[in-house]
Amino acid sequence: FSFALAFACPAHTVLVLPTELQAASLPETANTNAPNTPLSGTCGESITWELEEVPMEDASDKTWYHLSLTGEGSMDQSLFWDIHTETVIISPWMDYREGILSLTIGEGITSICDYAFLGLSSLTSLELPDSIISIGNSAFRETASLTSVTCGAGLKRIGNNAFFNASSLSSVHLPEGLEELGSYAFSGCTRLSGISLPESLAAIGHSAFFPSGLTSITIPRNVSSILPSAFSGTPLEEIHVQDGSQYYQAQNNVLYGLREDGTPQKAIAYAVSAPANTVTLAEGTETIGAYTFSKAKNLTSLGLPSTLTEIGLGAFSRCSSLNSLRLPNQLQTIGEDAFWGCKSLQEISIPDSVTTVGNRAFSFCDALTAIHIGNLCTSRIEWGNALQNSKSIRTVTVAPENPYLTSIDNVLYDKAHTTLYYYAPMKPDDTYWVLAPVTAISSHAIGQVPSIEKLYLPSTLAKLCPYSIFANQNLDSIYFSGNAPNGAQAKEVIDNCAEDLLLYRTASSTGWGSDAHWLSHPLSFWDPVADLLETGPFWKPSPSGKPIPSRKQPLLK
């Protein structure tokens, strides 16, 4: 079995299995009619199990079974999970898992161990006795035909991934007395449109319903812990909190975590299918959690509070209608993928207070044409990574008082002109000379520029970062004035440019033979002294006035 769920995350636009689930893959094959495999045995100190054949007239080509467990106490975890190798063991009924239609767990059994009924793909319904206190991690994972679950009155805990990818599950009854709902517990239950959480519930784990089919949710008053992304990826239309909660509050379909004084501190979930086209977050809110507004398809504008300091991972990713955004002046952190895929966003102004902008924060913003960078107090932001794949950017400006950055003709450099951070993709020039003091070009700095054909690199250049020059379909000539740069292989730093791309080096330069990967592109000689090339603001033009070297000169062998 394998599993990947499409979701709001960016370029990595799939939800990958949690690490423990990757290790817990089912065996490759199963023999549902294995004559040498026992049909009964023990699975706990005082628990026995038995498989009984179930006649099925309309499916006589296959043997079907009812699995029953009887006895007392806990199941034996060592029969299902090897703690030394951290792998799933061939459990007693594993060979029959695809043929088990029904399951009975007897009164007196107190816990279902981890991975106990993993992959029972034909099981359609489940009713647990009152004696069951705990459902273990991944206990009913990958039960694709399971449609209904009724839990007994004694249940206290549902473990991590317990019903992970039970894709047909549409009805769940949880008893009063349940206290803990584990991480990914109902992740991938895409037909589960509603669930009633008991008042006794105290904790909801990470990504508990990420994603699922929930359209409405009410948080019980005693819930004191909701971990990140608990309701991300769900088509919620409404979010409510039961009266009397000291920990959470819902306003305008935004779920907030509260301070001790009862005021909103963190936005942690939003009903992304609500019809509202604008949302104003409560003043006092400091943080917007991971994926909180992801895929809020109706939002066109936001009102962010002056108190906001952090926008979390993917917080507004895939808000495809969002076209107006004003970031507040106290904002410090814009997380990875924060505005990934906001296809209608046209302009961004980064406040002076921002110190962190994560990778892909503004990636795939198709309508984004201008970005203004304020008086930032750090130079450690990788702007190429933050803006990659936003191909319409034409204008890049920087506040004059910024001590670290400067924009020269829509190309972003550090103040000393030693690092090139970003080149606006819609800059119209077909030829560009990188400034002579530059020693490094950052990752994704010069990418998806349709106009550029020739690029001249100074003799000071010492380092090209991964994918620093990428996806420039018309870039057919790159001229190196100095030695081969260090730091990455050529096939990683210059990627997906013109098919007939030539790299030009000077006859006296070195380092090209020490890295065989430079030979992944054709190399040729050029003479920067003899040709009119060095015309940038830090270079003087050659007096010879000779033309740019011909692409027909012999290639290096």
Protein backbone atom coordinates (compact mmCIF):
# COMPACT_ATOMS: atom_id res chain seq x y z
CA PHE A 1 0.00 0.00 0.00
CA SER A 2 1.16 3.52 -0.69
CA PHE A 3 -0.48 6.83 0.05
CA ALA A 4 -0.14 10.43 -1.03
CA LEU A 5 -2.81 13.07 -0.61
CA ALA A 6 -3.05 16.14 -2.79
CA PHE A 7 -3.16 19.22 -0.63
CA ALA A 8 -2.20 22.77 -0.24
CA CYS A 9 1.49 22.32 0.07
CA PRO A 10 3.48 23.68 -2.75
CA ALA A 11 5.80 22.26 -5.28
CA HIS A 12 5.86 19.37 -2.92
CA THR A 13 2.10 19.41 -3.49
CA VAL A 14 1.41 16.08 -1.88
CA LEU A 15 0.96 15.07 1.69
CA VAL A 16 3.51 12.35 2.29
CA LEU A 17 3.06 9.60 4.83
CA PRO A 18 4.32 10.42 8.32
CA THR A 19 7.74 8.85 8.96
CA GLU A 20 6.37 6.05 11.11
CA LEU A 21 3.89 5.10 8.39
CA GLN A 22 6.59 4.95 5.75
CA ALA A 23 8.31 2.35 7.89
CA ALA A 24 5.04 0.53 8.41
CA SER A 25 4.37 -0.56 4.85
CA LEU A 26 2.26 -3.66 4.40
CA PRO A 27 3.89 -6.80 2.97
CA GLU A 28 3.97 -6.84 -0.81
CA THR A 29 1.73 -9.88 -1.21
CA ALA A 30 -1.03 -11.62 0.69
CA ASN A 31 -2.48 -15.08 0.09
CA THR A 32 -6.14 -14.93 1.13
CA ASN A 33 -6.54 -18.70 0.74
CA ALA A 34 -3.30 -19.88 2.32
CA PRO A 35 -3.95 -23.48 3.49
CA ASN A 36 -0.84 -23.61 5.67
CA THR A 37 -1.62 -20.46 7.63
CA PRO A 38 -3.43 -21.02 10.96
CA LEU A 39 -7.06 -19.95 11.24
CA SER A 40 -6.90 -19.45 15.01
CA GLY A 41 -4.42 -18.70 17.78
CA THR A 42 -3.61 -16.29 20.59
CA CYS A 43 -2.86 -12.56 20.36
CA GLY A 44 -2.54 -11.72 24.02
CA GLU A 45 -1.93 -13.42 27.33
CA SER A 46 -5.64 -14.13 27.70
CA ILE A 47 -6.93 -13.37 24.18
CA THR A 48 -7.67 -15.84 21.40
CA TRP A 49 -8.57 -15.16 17.79
CA GLU A 50 -10.38 -17.21 15.16
CA LEU A 51 -11.24 -16.88 11.47
CA GLU A 52 -14.51 -18.42 10.28
CA GLU A 53 -15.47 -18.79 6.65
CA VAL A 54 -18.41 -16.69 5.49
CA PRO A 55 -20.35 -18.08 2.52
CA MET A 56 -20.85 -15.50 -0.23
CA GLU A 57 -22.92 -16.73 -3.16
CA ASP A 58 -22.11 -13.74 -5.35
CA ALA A 59 -18.35 -13.99 -4.67
CA SER A 60 -17.73 -17.73 -4.66
CA ASP A 61 -14.37 -17.37 -6.41
CA LYS A 62 -12.83 -16.07 -3.19
CA THR A 63 -12.91 -17.21 0.43
CA TRP A 64 -14.30 -14.65 2.88
CA TYR A 65 -13.91 -14.60 6.66
CA HIS A 66 -15.24 -13.26 9.95
CA LEU A 67 -12.50 -12.49 12.48
CA SER A 68 -13.37 -12.72 16.18
CA LEU A 69 -11.26 -11.92 19.24
CA THR A 70 -12.33 -13.12 22.70
CA GLY A 71 -10.78 -12.94 26.15
CA GLU A 72 -9.52 -10.30 28.55
CA GLY A 73 -6.77 -7.70 28.81
CA SER A 74 -4.49 -6.17 26.20
CA MET A 75 -3.41 -7.50 22.83
CA ASP A 76 0.24 -8.57 22.46
CA GLN A 77 1.99 -5.70 20.68
CA SER A 78 5.04 -7.83 19.84
CA LEU A 79 2.97 -9.86 17.35
CA PHE A 80 2.40 -6.78 15.20
CA TRP A 81 5.38 -4.45 15.59
CA ASP A 82 9.10 -5.15 15.95
CA ILE A 83 10.46 -2.49 18.29
CA HIS A 84 14.06 -3.31 17.30
CA THR A 85 13.69 -2.93 13.53
CA GLU A 86 10.66 -0.60 13.70
CA THR A 87 8.76 -2.59 11.10
CA VAL A 88 5.35 -4.22 10.87
CA ILE A 89 5.42 -7.96 11.58
CA ILE A 90 3.35 -10.47 9.62
CA SER A 91 0.49 -10.54 12.12
CA PRO A 92 -1.50 -13.74 12.77
CA TRP A 93 -4.23 -12.87 10.23
CA MET A 94 -2.15 -10.78 7.83
CA ASP A 95 -2.35 -13.33 5.00
CA TYR A 96 -6.15 -13.15 5.14
CA ARG A 97 -6.52 -9.40 5.52
CA GLU A 98 -8.10 -8.76 2.10
CA GLY A 99 -10.76 -11.42 2.72
CA ILE A 100 -11.88 -10.36 6.21
CA LEU A 101 -15.40 -8.94 5.86
CA SER A 102 -16.31 -8.50 9.51
CA LEU A 103 -14.69 -8.21 12.92
CA THR A 104 -15.93 -8.88 16.45
CA ILE A 105 -13.90 -7.84 19.49
CA GLY A 106 -15.25 -9.38 22.68
CA GLU A 107 -16.17 -7.56 25.87
CA GLY A 108 -13.26 -7.82 28.32
CA ILE A 109 -10.52 -6.88 25.84
CA THR A 110 -9.14 -3.54 27.00
CA SER A 111 -6.88 -2.26 24.23
CA ILE A 112 -6.28 -2.64 20.52
CA CYS A 113 -2.56 -2.59 19.89
CA ASP A 114 -0.67 -0.66 17.22
CA TYR A 115 -1.13 -1.98 13.63
CA ALA A 116 -3.55 -4.68 14.83
CA PHE A 117 -5.97 -4.50 11.90
CA LEU A 118 -3.82 -2.65 9.40
CA GLY A 119 -4.99 -3.14 5.82
CA LEU A 120 -8.27 -5.00 6.40
CA SER A 121 -9.41 -3.62 3.07
CA SER A 122 -12.77 -5.48 2.93
CA LEU A 123 -13.96 -4.59 6.45
CA THR A 124 -17.11 -2.45 6.14
CA SER A 125 -18.21 -1.65 9.70
CA LEU A 126 -16.81 -1.68 13.20
CA GLU A 127 -18.47 -1.77 16.61
CA LEU A 128 -16.20 -1.78 19.67
CA PRO A 129 -17.16 -3.04 23.14
CA ASP A 130 -17.33 -0.80 26.19
CA SER A 131 -14.23 -2.47 27.64
CA ILE A 132 -11.90 -1.01 24.99
CA ILE A 133 -9.95 1.87 26.56
CA SER A 134 -7.42 2.54 23.80
CA ILE A 135 -7.16 2.19 20.02
CA GLY A 136 -3.51 1.93 19.06
CA ASN A 137 -1.50 3.76 16.42
CA SER A 138 -2.40 2.74 12.85
CA ALA A 139 -4.78 0.13 14.26
CA PHE A 140 -7.26 0.47 11.38
CA ARG A 141 -5.09 2.22 8.82
CA GLU A 142 -5.80 1.56 5.13
CA THR A 143 -9.23 0.03 5.81
CA ALA A 144 -10.53 1.34 2.50
CA SER A 145 -14.04 -0.20 2.67
CA LEU A 146 -14.81 0.81 6.26
CA THR A 147 -17.90 3.05 6.28
CA SER A 148 -18.97 3.24 9.94
CA VAL A 149 -17.33 3.09 13.37
CA THR A 150 -19.09 2.94 16.73
CA CYS A 151 -16.81 3.19 19.75
CA GLY A 152 -17.76 1.79 23.16
CA ALA A 153 -18.37 3.83 26.29
CA GLY A 154 -14.98 3.08 27.87
CA LEU A 155 -12.78 4.55 25.12
CA LYS A 156 -10.25 7.11 26.37
CA ARG A 157 -7.72 7.34 23.54
CA ILE A 158 -7.58 7.03 19.75
CA GLY A 159 -3.96 6.71 18.65
CA ASN A 160 -1.96 8.34 15.91
CA ASN A 161 -3.01 7.36 12.37
CA ALA A 162 -5.68 5.07 13.85
CA PHE A 163 -8.04 5.41 10.84
CA PHE A 164 -5.51 6.90 8.45
CA ASN A 165 -6.78 6.67 4.86
CA ALA A 166 -10.05 4.92 5.73
CA SER A 167 -11.28 6.60 2.58
CA SER A 168 -14.89 5.32 2.69
CA LEU A 169 -15.52 6.20 6.34
CA SER A 170 -18.59 8.42 6.59
CA SER A 171 -20.01 7.76 10.09
CA VAL A 172 -18.13 7.85 13.41
CA HIS A 173 -19.61 7.73 16.91
CA LEU A 174 -17.25 8.83 19.68
CA PRO A 175 -18.31 8.27 23.30
CA GLU A 176 -18.42 10.72 26.16
CA GLY A 177 -15.25 9.94 28.12
CA LEU A 178 -12.86 10.10 25.14
CA GLU A 179 -9.94 12.33 26.10
CA GLU A 180 -7.34 12.14 23.33
CA LEU A 181 -7.54 12.13 19.54
CA GLY A 182 -4.13 11.32 18.06
CA SER A 183 -2.22 12.91 15.20
CA TYR A 184 -3.49 11.94 11.72
CA ALA A 185 -6.24 9.92 13.44
CA PHE A 186 -8.77 10.54 10.65
CA SER A 187 -6.39 11.84 7.99
CA GLY A 188 -7.48 10.83 4.51
CA CYS A 189 -11.09 10.13 5.55
CA THR A 190 -12.37 12.19 2.65
CA ARG A 191 -16.02 11.04 2.98
CA LEU A 192 -16.27 11.99 6.62
CA SER A 193 -18.33 15.20 6.35
CA GLY A 194 -19.27 15.54 10.01
CA ILE A 195 -18.26 14.30 13.45
CA SER A 196 -19.47 15.09 16.98
CA LEU A 197 -16.59 15.51 19.40
CA PRO A 198 -17.50 14.62 23.01
CA GLU A 199 -17.35 17.22 25.76
CA SER A 200 -14.72 15.13 27.58
CA LEU A 201 -12.17 15.54 24.78
CA ALA A 202 -9.02 17.35 25.94
CA ALA A 203 -6.48 17.01 23.10
CA ILE A 204 -6.61 16.96 19.29
CA GLY A 205 -3.40 15.85 17.62
CA HIS A 206 -1.37 17.20 14.74
CA SER A 207 -3.22 16.93 11.42
CA ALA A 208 -5.97 14.86 13.06
CA PHE A 209 -8.37 15.57 10.16
CA PHE A 210 -5.74 16.59 7.57
CA PRO A 211 -7.31 16.17 5.12
CA SER A 212 -10.87 14.93 5.46
CA GLY A 213 -14.37 15.80 4.25
CA LEU A 214 -15.47 17.80 7.30
CA THR A 215 -17.80 20.71 6.51
CA SER A 216 -18.53 21.75 10.10
CA ILE A 217 -16.83 21.30 13.46
CA THR A 218 -17.56 22.32 17.05
CA ILE A 219 -14.67 22.32 19.51
CA PRO A 220 -15.75 21.05 22.96
CA ARG A 221 -15.21 23.34 25.94
CA ASN A 222 -12.66 21.08 27.65
CA VAL A 223 -10.23 20.86 24.70
CA SER A 224 -7.02 22.48 25.94
CA SER A 225 -4.63 21.39 23.18
CA ILE A 226 -5.01 21.50 19.40
CA LEU A 227 -1.79 20.76 17.57
CA PRO A 228 -0.91 22.37 14.19
CA SER A 229 -2.88 21.63 11.01
CA ALA A 230 -5.56 19.67 12.86
CA PHE A 231 -8.25 20.80 10.38
CA SER A 232 -6.13 21.75 7.38
CA GLY A 233 -7.22 20.41 4.03
CA THR A 234 -10.87 20.10 5.06
CA PRO A 235 -13.70 21.89 3.21
CA LEU A 236 -15.01 23.49 6.40
CA GLU A 237 -17.90 25.93 6.05
CA GLU A 238 -18.33 26.59 9.77
CA ILE A 239 -16.20 26.47 12.92
CA HIS A 240 -17.74 26.78 16.38
CA VAL A 241 -16.47 26.52 19.94
CA GLN A 242 -18.70 25.29 22.76
CA ASP A 243 -19.61 27.97 25.29
CA GLY A 244 -17.41 28.05 28.37
CA SER A 245 -14.06 27.26 26.72
CA GLN A 246 -11.06 28.90 28.40
CA TYR A 247 -8.70 27.88 25.63
CA TYR A 248 -10.30 28.53 22.23
CA GLN A 249 -12.67 30.93 20.56
CA ALA A 250 -14.24 31.22 17.11
CA GLN A 251 -14.87 34.58 15.44
CA ASN A 252 -16.05 34.89 11.84
CA ASN A 253 -15.15 31.23 11.24
CA VAL A 254 -11.58 31.75 12.47
CA LEU A 255 -10.50 29.48 15.34
CA TYR A 256 -8.19 31.21 17.83
CA GLY A 257 -6.06 29.95 20.68
CA LEU A 258 -6.50 32.24 23.70
CA ARG A 259 -4.19 33.84 26.22
CA GLU A 260 -4.86 33.38 29.92
CA ASP A 261 -6.84 36.63 29.89
CA GLY A 262 -9.17 35.22 27.23
CA THR A 263 -7.95 37.35 24.29
CA PRO A 264 -7.01 35.81 20.91
CA GLN A 265 -3.32 35.04 20.51
CA LYS A 266 -3.02 32.59 17.59
CA ALA A 267 -5.20 31.86 14.57
CA ILE A 268 -5.11 28.09 14.11
CA ALA A 269 -7.93 27.19 11.71
CA TYR A 270 -10.37 28.76 9.26
CA ALA A 271 -13.51 27.52 7.52
CA VAL A 272 -11.94 27.73 4.07
CA SER A 273 -15.20 27.03 2.23
CA ALA A 274 -17.07 29.84 3.98
CA PRO A 275 -18.59 32.31 1.49
CA ALA A 276 -16.93 35.45 2.93
CA ASN A 277 -14.53 37.21 0.54
CA THR A 278 -12.75 39.17 3.24
CA VAL A 279 -11.58 38.31 6.75
CA THR A 280 -10.30 40.66 9.43
CA LEU A 281 -8.31 38.93 12.14
CA ALA A 282 -8.79 39.90 15.77
CA GLU A 283 -6.52 42.61 17.11
CA GLY A 284 -4.05 41.06 19.54
CA THR A 285 -3.38 38.05 17.32
CA GLU A 286 0.37 37.44 17.15
CA THR A 287 0.62 34.27 15.07
CA ILE A 288 -1.15 32.63 12.14
CA GLY A 289 -0.52 28.89 12.34
CA ALA A 290 0.52 26.43 9.64
CA TYR A 291 -1.95 26.12 6.73
CA THR A 292 -4.62 28.05 8.66
CA PHE A 293 -6.17 29.72 5.59
CA SER A 294 -4.80 27.35 2.95
CA LYS A 295 -7.16 26.93 -0.02
CA ALA A 296 -9.59 29.61 1.21
CA LYS A 297 -10.83 29.97 -2.36
CA ASN A 298 -13.29 32.83 -1.73
CA LEU A 299 -10.91 35.23 0.05
CA THR A 300 -10.01 38.30 -1.99
CA SER A 301 -8.64 40.49 0.80
CA LEU A 302 -7.33 40.26 4.35
CA GLY A 303 -7.26 42.50 7.37
CA LEU A 304 -4.21 41.60 9.43
CA PRO A 305 -3.83 43.01 12.96
CA SER A 306 -1.04 45.41 13.90
CA THR A 307 0.05 42.91 16.58
CA LEU A 308 0.88 40.14 14.08
CA THR A 309 4.51 38.93 14.27
CA GLU A 310 4.46 35.56 12.49
CA ILE A 311 2.77 34.04 9.44
CA GLY A 312 3.31 30.28 9.57
CA LEU A 313 4.11 27.54 7.10
CA GLY A 314 1.68 27.57 4.15
CA ALA A 315 -0.70 29.83 6.09
CA PHE A 316 -2.29 31.38 2.98
CA SER A 317 -1.11 28.91 0.34
CA ARG A 318 -3.46 28.43 -2.62
CA CYS A 319 -5.72 31.34 -1.72
CA SER A 320 -6.23 31.72 -5.44
CA SER A 321 -8.53 34.78 -5.29
CA LEU A 322 -6.48 36.80 -2.81
CA ASN A 323 -5.50 40.02 -4.59
CA SER A 324 -5.06 42.55 -1.80
CA LEU A 325 -2.62 42.24 1.08
CA ARG A 326 -1.09 44.67 3.53
CA LEU A 327 1.49 43.18 5.87
CA PRO A 328 1.59 44.90 9.30
CA ASN A 329 4.61 46.80 10.57
CA GLN A 330 5.42 44.46 13.48
CA LEU A 331 5.60 41.33 11.31
CA GLN A 332 8.89 39.49 11.77
CA THR A 333 8.48 36.06 10.14
CA ILE A 334 6.92 34.96 6.86
CA GLY A 335 7.12 31.17 6.84
CA GLU A 336 7.88 28.74 4.05
CA ASP A 337 5.13 28.49 1.41
CA ALA A 338 3.16 31.20 3.26
CA PHE A 339 1.56 32.65 0.10
CA TRP A 340 2.42 29.82 -2.31
CA GLY A 341 0.01 29.72 -5.22
CA CYS A 342 -1.78 33.01 -4.47
CA LYS A 343 -2.36 33.46 -8.18
CA SER A 344 -4.22 36.80 -7.97
CA LEU A 345 -1.78 38.63 -5.69
CA GLN A 346 -0.31 41.55 -7.63
CA GLU A 347 2.02 43.44 -5.32
CA ILE A 348 3.88 42.79 -2.07
CA SER A 349 5.54 45.24 0.30
CA ILE A 350 7.78 43.61 2.92
CA PRO A 351 7.73 45.67 6.14
CA ASP A 352 10.89 47.02 7.76
CA SER A 353 10.42 44.65 10.71
CA VAL A 354 10.66 41.37 8.75
CA THR A 355 13.73 39.27 9.52
CA THR A 356 12.74 35.92 7.98
CA VAL A 357 11.15 35.05 4.65
CA GLY A 358 10.96 31.29 4.09
CA ASN A 359 11.57 29.29 0.94
CA ARG A 360 8.75 29.53 -1.61
CA ALA A 361 6.94 32.10 0.54
CA PHE A 362 5.71 33.85 -2.62
CA SER A 363 6.16 31.06 -5.18
CA PHE A 364 3.67 30.51 -8.03
CA CYS A 365 2.10 33.93 -7.50
CA ASP A 366 1.28 34.26 -11.20
CA ALA A 367 -0.04 37.84 -11.12
CA LEU A 368 2.69 39.22 -8.85
CA THR A 369 4.47 42.01 -10.74
CA ALA A 370 6.13 44.11 -8.03
CA ILE A 371 7.86 43.57 -4.71
CA HIS A 372 9.14 46.25 -2.37
CA ILE A 373 11.60 45.36 0.37
CA GLY A 374 11.73 47.59 3.42
CA ASN A 375 14.52 48.42 5.81
CA LEU A 376 15.19 44.81 6.83
CA CYS A 377 17.45 44.12 9.78
CA THR A 378 19.00 40.96 8.27
CA SER A 379 20.78 39.88 5.10
CA ARG A 380 20.15 36.15 5.50
CA ILE A 381 17.01 35.92 3.37
CA GLU A 382 17.32 33.86 0.15
CA TRP A 383 15.13 35.96 -2.11
CA GLY A 384 15.49 33.70 -5.13
CA ASN A 385 14.14 30.76 -3.14
CA ALA A 386 11.35 32.88 -1.66
CA LEU A 387 10.14 34.15 -5.06
CA GLN A 388 10.87 31.18 -7.32
CA ASN A 389 8.30 30.40 -10.03
CA SER A 390 6.59 33.79 -9.72
CA LYS A 391 7.32 34.56 -13.33
CA SER A 392 5.56 37.93 -13.77
CA ILE A 393 7.71 40.03 -11.44
CA ARG A 394 8.97 43.09 -13.28
CA THR A 395 9.79 45.52 -10.49
CA VAL A 396 12.01 44.99 -7.45
CA THR A 397 12.64 47.98 -5.18
CA VAL A 398 14.41 48.38 -1.84
CA ALA A 399 14.10 51.09 0.79
CA PRO A 400 17.11 53.43 0.39
CA GLU A 401 17.95 53.17 4.09
CA ASN A 402 18.19 49.35 3.94
CA PRO A 403 21.72 48.60 5.22
CA TYR A 404 22.01 45.23 3.49
CA LEU A 405 20.25 45.27 0.11
CA THR A 406 20.00 47.37 -3.00
CA SER A 407 18.11 47.04 -6.25
CA ILE A 408 19.87 48.13 -9.44
CA ASP A 409 17.61 48.14 -12.48
CA ASN A 410 15.36 45.46 -10.86
CA VAL A 411 18.23 43.18 -9.91
CA LEU A 412 18.67 42.59 -6.18
CA TYR A 413 22.20 42.72 -4.75
CA ASP A 414 23.67 43.02 -1.30
CA LYS A 415 24.84 46.53 -0.45
CA ALA A 416 28.49 45.75 -1.26
CA HIS A 417 27.53 44.17 -4.61
CA THR A 418 29.20 40.87 -3.71
CA THR A 419 26.07 38.69 -3.94
CA LEU A 420 23.34 38.67 -6.58
CA TYR A 421 20.13 37.57 -4.84
CA TYR A 422 17.43 37.96 -7.46
CA TYR A 423 16.82 39.01 -11.07
CA ALA A 424 13.27 40.12 -11.96
CA PRO A 425 11.99 37.56 -14.52
CA MET A 426 10.18 40.16 -16.64
CA LYS A 427 13.23 42.42 -16.94
CA PRO A 428 13.23 43.01 -20.71
CA ASP A 429 16.97 43.03 -21.50
CA ASP A 430 18.37 40.29 -23.73
CA THR A 431 21.91 40.78 -22.37
CA TYR A 432 23.07 41.28 -18.80
CA TRP A 433 26.45 41.94 -17.19
CA VAL A 434 26.59 40.87 -13.55
CA LEU A 435 28.37 43.53 -11.47
CA ALA A 436 32.12 43.05 -11.22
CA PRO A 437 32.43 42.78 -7.41
CA VAL A 438 30.03 39.82 -7.28
CA THR A 439 31.53 36.68 -5.73
CA ALA A 440 28.33 34.59 -5.42
CA ILE A 441 24.98 34.14 -7.14
CA SER A 442 22.26 32.77 -4.87
CA SER A 443 19.92 29.83 -5.48
CA HIS A 444 17.12 30.51 -7.99
CA ALA A 445 18.49 34.01 -8.55
CA ILE A 446 18.26 34.17 -12.35
CA GLY A 447 15.38 32.00 -13.41
CA GLN A 448 12.48 31.84 -15.87
CA VAL A 449 13.60 35.02 -17.64
CA PRO A 450 12.22 34.76 -21.18
CA SER A 451 14.13 37.74 -22.61
CA ILE A 452 17.68 36.96 -21.56
CA GLU A 453 19.96 35.46 -24.20
CA LYS A 454 23.47 36.34 -23.06
CA LEU A 455 24.83 36.51 -19.52
CA TYR A 456 28.28 37.83 -18.58
CA LEU A 457 29.83 36.80 -15.28
CA PRO A 458 32.71 38.75 -13.68
CA SER A 459 36.17 37.44 -12.86
CA THR A 460 35.37 37.94 -9.16
CA LEU A 461 32.71 35.20 -9.26
CA ALA A 462 33.70 32.33 -6.97
CA LYS A 463 30.44 30.52 -6.21
CA LEU A 464 27.25 29.54 -7.99
CA CYS A 465 24.61 28.14 -5.64
CA PRO A 466 22.24 25.30 -6.67
CA TYR A 467 19.94 26.34 -9.55
CA SER A 468 21.27 29.87 -9.52
CA ILE A 469 20.69 30.04 -13.30
CA PHE A 470 17.67 27.97 -14.31
CA ALA A 471 14.79 27.66 -16.79
CA ASN A 472 15.89 30.53 -19.03
CA GLN A 473 14.71 29.02 -22.29
CA ASN A 474 16.44 31.56 -24.56
CA LEU A 475 19.71 31.82 -22.66
CA ASP A 476 22.21 30.38 -25.15
CA SER A 477 25.49 31.98 -24.02
CA ILE A 478 27.10 32.37 -20.59
CA TYR A 479 30.50 34.10 -20.47
CA PHE A 480 32.86 33.46 -17.55
CA SER A 481 35.54 36.12 -17.11
CA GLY A 482 37.40 34.20 -14.41
CA ASN A 483 38.07 30.70 -13.16
CA ALA A 484 35.42 28.01 -12.83
CA PRO A 485 33.20 28.82 -9.83
CA ASN A 486 33.15 26.47 -6.87
CA GLY A 487 30.38 25.24 -4.64
CA ALA A 488 28.17 23.11 -6.86
CA GLN A 489 28.21 20.90 -9.93
CA ALA A 490 27.45 22.64 -13.21
CA LYS A 491 24.39 20.52 -13.91
CA GLU A 492 22.93 21.70 -10.59
CA VAL A 493 23.70 25.41 -10.95
CA ILE A 494 22.82 25.88 -14.63
CA ASP A 495 19.66 23.98 -15.44
CA ASN A 496 17.03 23.85 -18.19
CA CYS A 497 18.26 26.76 -20.30
CA ALA A 498 18.46 26.87 -24.12
CA GLU A 499 19.15 23.50 -25.75
CA ASP A 500 22.17 24.96 -27.57
CA LEU A 501 23.62 26.70 -24.50
CA LEU A 502 27.36 27.35 -24.70
CA LEU A 503 29.59 28.20 -21.75
CA TYR A 504 32.48 30.51 -22.63
CA ARG A 505 35.72 30.58 -20.62
CA THR A 506 38.95 32.48 -21.01
CA ALA A 507 42.08 30.67 -22.20
CA SER A 508 43.94 31.42 -18.97
CA SER A 509 41.16 30.37 -16.60
CA THR A 510 41.41 27.22 -14.47
CA GLY A 511 39.22 24.74 -12.66
CA TRP A 512 37.16 23.52 -15.59
CA GLY A 513 38.83 20.13 -15.81
CA SER A 514 38.71 19.49 -12.05
CA ASP A 515 34.93 19.12 -12.17
CA ALA A 516 33.78 16.80 -14.93
CA HIS A 517 30.27 18.14 -14.58
CA TRP A 518 31.25 21.41 -16.24
CA LEU A 519 31.58 19.28 -19.36
CA SER A 520 27.85 18.57 -19.22
CA HIS A 521 27.56 21.81 -21.21
CA PRO A 522 29.68 22.57 -24.31
CA LEU A 523 32.65 24.86 -23.51
CA SER A 524 34.29 27.39 -25.80
CA PHE A 525 36.93 30.14 -25.52
CA TRP A 526 36.38 33.86 -25.52
CA ASP A 527 38.58 36.90 -24.99
CA PRO A 528 37.02 39.61 -22.82
CA VAL A 529 39.86 42.02 -23.54
CA ALA A 530 39.46 41.81 -27.29
CA ASP A 531 35.71 42.25 -27.31
CA LEU A 532 33.34 44.95 -26.21
CA LEU A 533 31.85 43.10 -23.28
CA GLU A 534 32.61 44.72 -19.96
CA THR A 535 30.15 47.60 -20.12
CA GLY A 536 28.54 47.29 -16.69
CA PRO A 537 28.73 50.16 -14.20
CA PHE A 538 31.84 48.67 -12.58
CA TRP A 539 33.65 47.84 -15.82
CA LYS A 540 35.24 50.01 -18.49
CA PRO A 541 34.53 49.15 -22.14
CA SER A 542 37.31 47.64 -24.22
CA PRO A 543 38.85 50.13 -26.67
CA SER A 544 38.91 47.54 -29.46
CA GLY A 545 35.22 47.85 -30.26
CA LYS A 546 35.18 44.27 -31.59
CA PRO A 547 31.87 42.38 -31.71
CA ILE A 548 30.71 39.66 -29.31
CA PRO A 549 32.56 36.40 -30.11
CA SER A 550 30.98 34.12 -32.66
CA ARG A 551 29.18 30.99 -31.47
CA LYS A 552 30.82 29.20 -34.39
CA GLN A 553 34.32 29.16 -32.89
CA PRO A 554 35.69 25.68 -32.04
CA LEU A 555 34.43 23.97 -28.91
CA LEU A 556 36.88 22.72 -26.30
CA LYS A 557 37.64 19.01 -26.32
